Amino acid sequence: MDSLAGGVTMILGALAYRSAKRRRLGMRPDTALRRAVEISLLVIVCLPLVILAAEGNDALWFYPWSGIVVPAGSLAAFLWILARKNVKNGDTLPSIR
């Protein structure tokens, strides 16, 4: 079940990242609904972490992909894309390029 839950949550995290990237590039409009969908996808990605933490610390060590690696990677990628330079107004951190 670890690989199944990890795979599903990885796909949901990738969808949130892709939506944020398209919004940042100006390919999609920046609406409240789009941001709400992105945040709800990230909440679902972090749900296995919360469930495994409620079971105890041993559960996190037995299921590291769905409990630690996928939520941490998804959140890091999402926060990274939000911190990059905005193409339209340039109000956030500059790009690496």
N, C-alpha and C. Protein backbone atom coordinates (compact mmCIF):
# COMPACT_ATOMS: atom_id res chain seq x y z
N MET A 1 0.81 -1.20 0.00
CA MET A 1 0.00 0.00 0.00
C MET A 1 0.85 1.26 0.00
N ASP A 2 2.11 1.15 0.43
CA ASP A 2 2.96 2.33 0.48
C ASP A 2 3.21 2.88 -0.91
N SER A 3 3.48 2.01 -1.87
CA SER A 3 3.74 2.50 -3.23
C SER A 3 2.46 3.00 -3.90
N LEU A 4 1.33 2.41 -3.60
CA LEU A 4 0.06 2.88 -4.17
C LEU A 4 -0.31 4.26 -3.63
N ALA A 5 -0.24 4.42 -2.33
CA ALA A 5 -0.55 5.73 -1.73
C ALA A 5 0.48 6.76 -2.14
N GLY A 6 1.75 6.36 -2.19
CA GLY A 6 2.80 7.28 -2.62
C GLY A 6 2.64 7.70 -4.06
N GLY A 7 2.24 6.79 -4.92
CA GLY A 7 2.04 7.12 -6.33
C GLY A 7 0.87 8.06 -6.56
N VAL A 8 -0.23 7.80 -5.89
CA VAL A 8 -1.41 8.66 -6.04
C VAL A 8 -1.12 10.06 -5.52
N THR A 9 -0.49 10.14 -4.36
CA THR A 9 -0.19 11.46 -3.80
C THR A 9 0.88 12.18 -4.61
N MET A 10 1.78 11.44 -5.24
CA MET A 10 2.79 12.06 -6.10
C MET A 10 2.13 12.68 -7.34
N ILE A 11 1.16 12.00 -7.89
CA ILE A 11 0.43 12.54 -9.04
C ILE A 11 -0.33 13.80 -8.65
N LEU A 12 -0.97 13.79 -7.50
CA LEU A 12 -1.71 14.97 -7.04
C LEU A 12 -0.77 16.13 -6.76
N GLY A 13 0.40 15.86 -6.20
CA GLY A 13 1.38 16.90 -5.98
C GLY A 13 1.91 17.47 -7.29
N ALA A 14 2.09 16.61 -8.29
CA ALA A 14 2.53 17.09 -9.60
C ALA A 14 1.47 17.96 -10.26
N LEU A 15 0.21 17.62 -10.08
CA LEU A 15 -0.87 18.46 -10.64
C LEU A 15 -0.90 19.84 -9.99
N ALA A 16 -0.68 19.88 -8.68
CA ALA A 16 -0.64 21.18 -7.98
C ALA A 16 0.55 22.01 -8.46
N TYR A 17 1.70 21.37 -8.62
CA TYR A 17 2.90 22.07 -9.10
C TYR A 17 2.69 22.60 -10.52
N ARG A 18 2.13 21.77 -11.37
CA ARG A 18 1.92 22.17 -12.76
C ARG A 18 0.93 23.33 -12.87
N SER A 19 -0.11 23.29 -12.06
CA SER A 19 -1.08 24.38 -12.07
C SER A 19 -0.43 25.69 -11.59
N ALA A 20 0.38 25.61 -10.54
CA ALA A 20 1.07 26.81 -10.04
C ALA A 20 2.07 27.34 -11.06
N LYS A 21 2.73 26.44 -11.77
CA LYS A 21 3.70 26.87 -12.77
C LYS A 21 3.01 27.55 -13.95
N ARG A 22 1.90 27.00 -14.39
CA ARG A 22 1.16 27.64 -15.49
C ARG A 22 0.60 28.98 -15.07
N ARG A 23 0.18 29.08 -13.82
CA ARG A 23 -0.33 30.34 -13.30
C ARG A 23 0.80 31.37 -13.22
N ARG A 24 1.98 30.94 -12.80
CA ARG A 24 3.12 31.84 -12.71
C ARG A 24 3.58 32.32 -14.06
N LEU A 25 3.54 31.46 -15.06
CA LEU A 25 3.97 31.82 -16.40
C LEU A 25 2.93 32.64 -17.15
N GLY A 26 1.74 32.76 -16.61
CA GLY A 26 0.70 33.54 -17.25
C GLY A 26 -0.09 32.76 -18.28
N MET A 27 0.07 31.44 -18.31
CA MET A 27 -0.67 30.61 -19.26
C MET A 27 -2.11 30.39 -18.81
N ARG A 28 -2.35 30.49 -17.51
CA ARG A 28 -3.68 30.33 -16.93
C ARG A 28 -3.96 31.53 -16.04
N PRO A 29 -5.23 31.89 -15.89
CA PRO A 29 -5.55 33.05 -15.03
C PRO A 29 -5.31 32.73 -13.56
N ASP A 30 -4.96 33.74 -12.82
CA ASP A 30 -4.73 33.60 -11.39
C ASP A 30 -6.03 33.88 -10.65
N THR A 31 -6.81 32.82 -10.44
CA THR A 31 -8.11 32.96 -9.79
C THR A 31 -8.07 32.32 -8.41
N ALA A 32 -9.04 32.69 -7.60
CA ALA A 32 -9.14 32.12 -6.26
C ALA A 32 -9.47 30.63 -6.32
N LEU A 33 -10.25 30.23 -7.30
CA LEU A 33 -10.60 28.81 -7.44
C LEU A 33 -9.37 27.98 -7.76
N ARG A 34 -8.52 28.48 -8.64
CA ARG A 34 -7.30 27.74 -9.00
C ARG A 34 -6.39 27.59 -7.79
N ARG A 35 -6.23 28.66 -7.01
CA ARG A 35 -5.40 28.58 -5.81
C ARG A 35 -6.00 27.62 -4.79
N ALA A 36 -7.32 27.62 -4.66
CA ALA A 36 -7.98 26.73 -3.72
C ALA A 36 -7.80 25.27 -4.13
N VAL A 37 -7.85 24.99 -5.41
CA VAL A 37 -7.63 23.63 -5.90
C VAL A 37 -6.19 23.20 -5.62
N GLU A 38 -5.24 24.08 -5.84
CA GLU A 38 -3.83 23.76 -5.57
C GLU A 38 -3.62 23.46 -4.10
N ILE A 39 -4.18 24.28 -3.23
CA ILE A 39 -4.02 24.07 -1.80
C ILE A 39 -4.72 22.78 -1.35
N SER A 40 -5.89 22.50 -1.90
CA SER A 40 -6.60 21.27 -1.53
C SER A 40 -5.83 20.04 -2.00
N LEU A 41 -5.20 20.11 -3.16
CA LEU A 41 -4.38 18.99 -3.62
C LEU A 41 -3.19 18.78 -2.68
N LEU A 42 -2.58 19.85 -2.22
CA LEU A 42 -1.46 19.71 -1.29
C LEU A 42 -1.90 19.17 0.07
N VAL A 43 -3.11 19.52 0.48
CA VAL A 43 -3.64 18.96 1.74
C VAL A 43 -3.83 17.45 1.59
N ILE A 44 -4.33 17.01 0.45
CA ILE A 44 -4.51 15.58 0.20
C ILE A 44 -3.15 14.89 0.15
N VAL A 45 -2.15 15.56 -0.42
CA VAL A 45 -0.80 14.97 -0.48
C VAL A 45 -0.25 14.77 0.93
N CYS A 46 -0.52 15.68 1.84
CA CYS A 46 -0.01 15.58 3.21
C CYS A 46 -0.87 14.70 4.10
N LEU A 47 -2.00 14.24 3.63
CA LEU A 47 -2.90 13.41 4.43
C LEU A 47 -2.26 12.09 4.89
N PRO A 48 -1.51 11.35 4.05
CA PRO A 48 -0.86 10.14 4.57
C PRO A 48 0.13 10.42 5.69
N LEU A 49 0.80 11.56 5.64
CA LEU A 49 1.72 11.94 6.71
C LEU A 49 0.98 12.10 8.03
N VAL A 50 -0.16 12.75 7.99
CA VAL A 50 -0.96 12.97 9.20
C VAL A 50 -1.49 11.64 9.73
N ILE A 51 -1.96 10.80 8.84
CA ILE A 51 -2.52 9.51 9.26
C ILE A 51 -1.43 8.63 9.87
N LEU A 52 -0.27 8.58 9.23
CA LEU A 52 0.83 7.76 9.75
C LEU A 52 1.38 8.33 11.06
N ALA A 53 1.40 9.65 11.18
CA ALA A 53 1.87 10.24 12.43
C ALA A 53 0.90 9.95 13.57
N ALA A 54 -0.38 9.85 13.27
CA ALA A 54 -1.37 9.52 14.30
C ALA A 54 -1.23 8.07 14.76
N GLU A 55 -0.76 7.20 13.86
CA GLU A 55 -0.55 5.80 14.24
C GLU A 55 0.67 5.62 15.12
N GLY A 56 1.64 6.50 14.98
CA GLY A 56 2.85 6.40 15.79
C GLY A 56 4.09 6.60 14.93
N ASN A 57 5.22 6.80 15.59
CA ASN A 57 6.46 7.04 14.86
C ASN A 57 6.93 5.83 14.07
N ASP A 58 6.61 4.63 14.53
CA ASP A 58 7.02 3.43 13.81
C ASP A 58 6.36 3.34 12.44
N ALA A 59 5.16 3.82 12.31
CA ALA A 59 4.46 3.76 11.03
C ALA A 59 5.16 4.62 9.99
N LEU A 60 5.71 5.76 10.40
CA LEU A 60 6.44 6.60 9.45
C LEU A 60 7.70 5.91 8.95
N TRP A 61 8.35 5.15 9.80
CA TRP A 61 9.57 4.46 9.37
C TRP A 61 9.27 3.25 8.49
N PHE A 62 8.11 2.64 8.63
CA PHE A 62 7.75 1.50 7.79
C PHE A 62 7.20 1.92 6.43
N TYR A 63 6.65 3.13 6.33
CA TYR A 63 6.10 3.64 5.08
C TYR A 63 6.71 5.01 4.76
N PRO A 64 8.00 5.06 4.42
CA PRO A 64 8.66 6.36 4.25
C PRO A 64 8.25 7.10 2.99
N TRP A 65 7.92 6.40 1.92
CA TRP A 65 7.61 7.09 0.66
C TRP A 65 6.33 7.89 0.76
N SER A 66 5.27 7.25 1.19
CA SER A 66 3.99 7.96 1.25
C SER A 66 3.90 8.86 2.47
N GLY A 67 4.72 8.62 3.49
CA GLY A 67 4.63 9.41 4.70
C GLY A 67 5.60 10.56 4.80
N ILE A 68 6.78 10.44 4.18
CA ILE A 68 7.80 11.47 4.35
C ILE A 68 8.26 12.05 3.01
N VAL A 69 8.70 11.19 2.10
CA VAL A 69 9.37 11.64 0.88
C VAL A 69 8.43 12.38 -0.07
N VAL A 70 7.29 11.81 -0.36
CA VAL A 70 6.37 12.43 -1.32
C VAL A 70 5.79 13.76 -0.79
N PRO A 71 5.30 13.82 0.45
CA PRO A 71 4.80 15.12 0.92
C PRO A 71 5.90 16.18 0.99
N ALA A 72 7.09 15.81 1.44
CA ALA A 72 8.18 16.79 1.54
C ALA A 72 8.60 17.28 0.15
N GLY A 73 8.71 16.38 -0.80
CA GLY A 73 9.08 16.77 -2.16
C GLY A 73 8.01 17.62 -2.83
N SER A 74 6.77 17.27 -2.64
CA SER A 74 5.68 18.03 -3.25
C SER A 74 5.59 19.44 -2.67
N LEU A 75 5.70 19.55 -1.36
CA LEU A 75 5.66 20.87 -0.74
C LEU A 75 6.86 21.72 -1.12
N ALA A 76 8.04 21.09 -1.19
CA ALA A 76 9.25 21.84 -1.57
C ALA A 76 9.14 22.35 -3.00
N ALA A 77 8.68 21.52 -3.92
CA ALA A 77 8.53 21.95 -5.31
C ALA A 77 7.49 23.05 -5.45
N PHE A 78 6.38 22.92 -4.74
CA PHE A 78 5.32 23.92 -4.82
C PHE A 78 5.79 25.26 -4.26
N LEU A 79 6.46 25.24 -3.11
CA LEU A 79 6.96 26.48 -2.54
C LEU A 79 8.06 27.10 -3.39
N TRP A 80 8.87 26.26 -4.02
CA TRP A 80 9.93 26.75 -4.90
C TRP A 80 9.35 27.48 -6.11
N ILE A 81 8.30 26.93 -6.71
CA ILE A 81 7.72 27.56 -7.89
C ILE A 81 6.99 28.85 -7.50
N LEU A 82 6.46 28.93 -6.29
CA LEU A 82 5.82 30.16 -5.85
C LEU A 82 6.84 31.26 -5.54
N ALA A 83 8.04 30.88 -5.14
CA ALA A 83 9.06 31.86 -4.78
C ALA A 83 9.80 32.41 -5.99
N ARG A 84 9.64 31.81 -7.13
CA ARG A 84 10.34 32.27 -8.33
C ARG A 84 9.74 33.55 -8.86
N LYS A 85 10.45 34.19 -9.76
CA LYS A 85 10.03 35.47 -10.32
C LYS A 85 8.74 35.32 -11.11
N ASN A 86 7.84 36.23 -10.88
CA ASN A 86 6.59 36.25 -11.62
C ASN A 86 6.82 36.94 -12.97
N VAL A 87 6.38 36.33 -14.04
CA VAL A 87 6.65 36.84 -15.37
C VAL A 87 5.94 38.17 -15.62
N LYS A 88 4.72 38.32 -15.13
CA LYS A 88 3.94 39.52 -15.43
C LYS A 88 4.42 40.75 -14.68
N ASN A 89 4.60 40.64 -13.37
CA ASN A 89 4.91 41.85 -12.62
C ASN A 89 6.27 41.82 -11.91
N GLY A 90 6.96 40.69 -11.84
CA GLY A 90 8.29 40.62 -11.26
C GLY A 90 8.34 41.01 -9.79
N ASP A 91 7.32 40.68 -9.01
CA ASP A 91 7.26 41.14 -7.62
C ASP A 91 7.89 40.20 -6.61
N THR A 92 8.32 39.00 -7.02
CA THR A 92 8.89 38.06 -6.06
C THR A 92 10.37 37.87 -6.32
N LEU A 93 10.95 36.84 -5.76
CA LEU A 93 12.38 36.60 -5.86
C LEU A 93 12.81 36.42 -7.32
N PRO A 94 14.00 36.85 -7.69
CA PRO A 94 14.45 36.71 -9.07
C PRO A 94 14.74 35.26 -9.42
N SER A 95 14.72 34.98 -10.70
CA SER A 95 14.98 33.65 -11.20
C SER A 95 16.48 33.35 -11.15
N ILE A 96 16.83 32.09 -11.24
CA ILE A 96 18.23 31.68 -11.21
C ILE A 96 18.94 32.10 -12.50
N ARG A 97 18.22 32.15 -13.59
CA ARG A 97 18.83 32.48 -14.88
C ARG A 97 19.35 33.84 -14.91
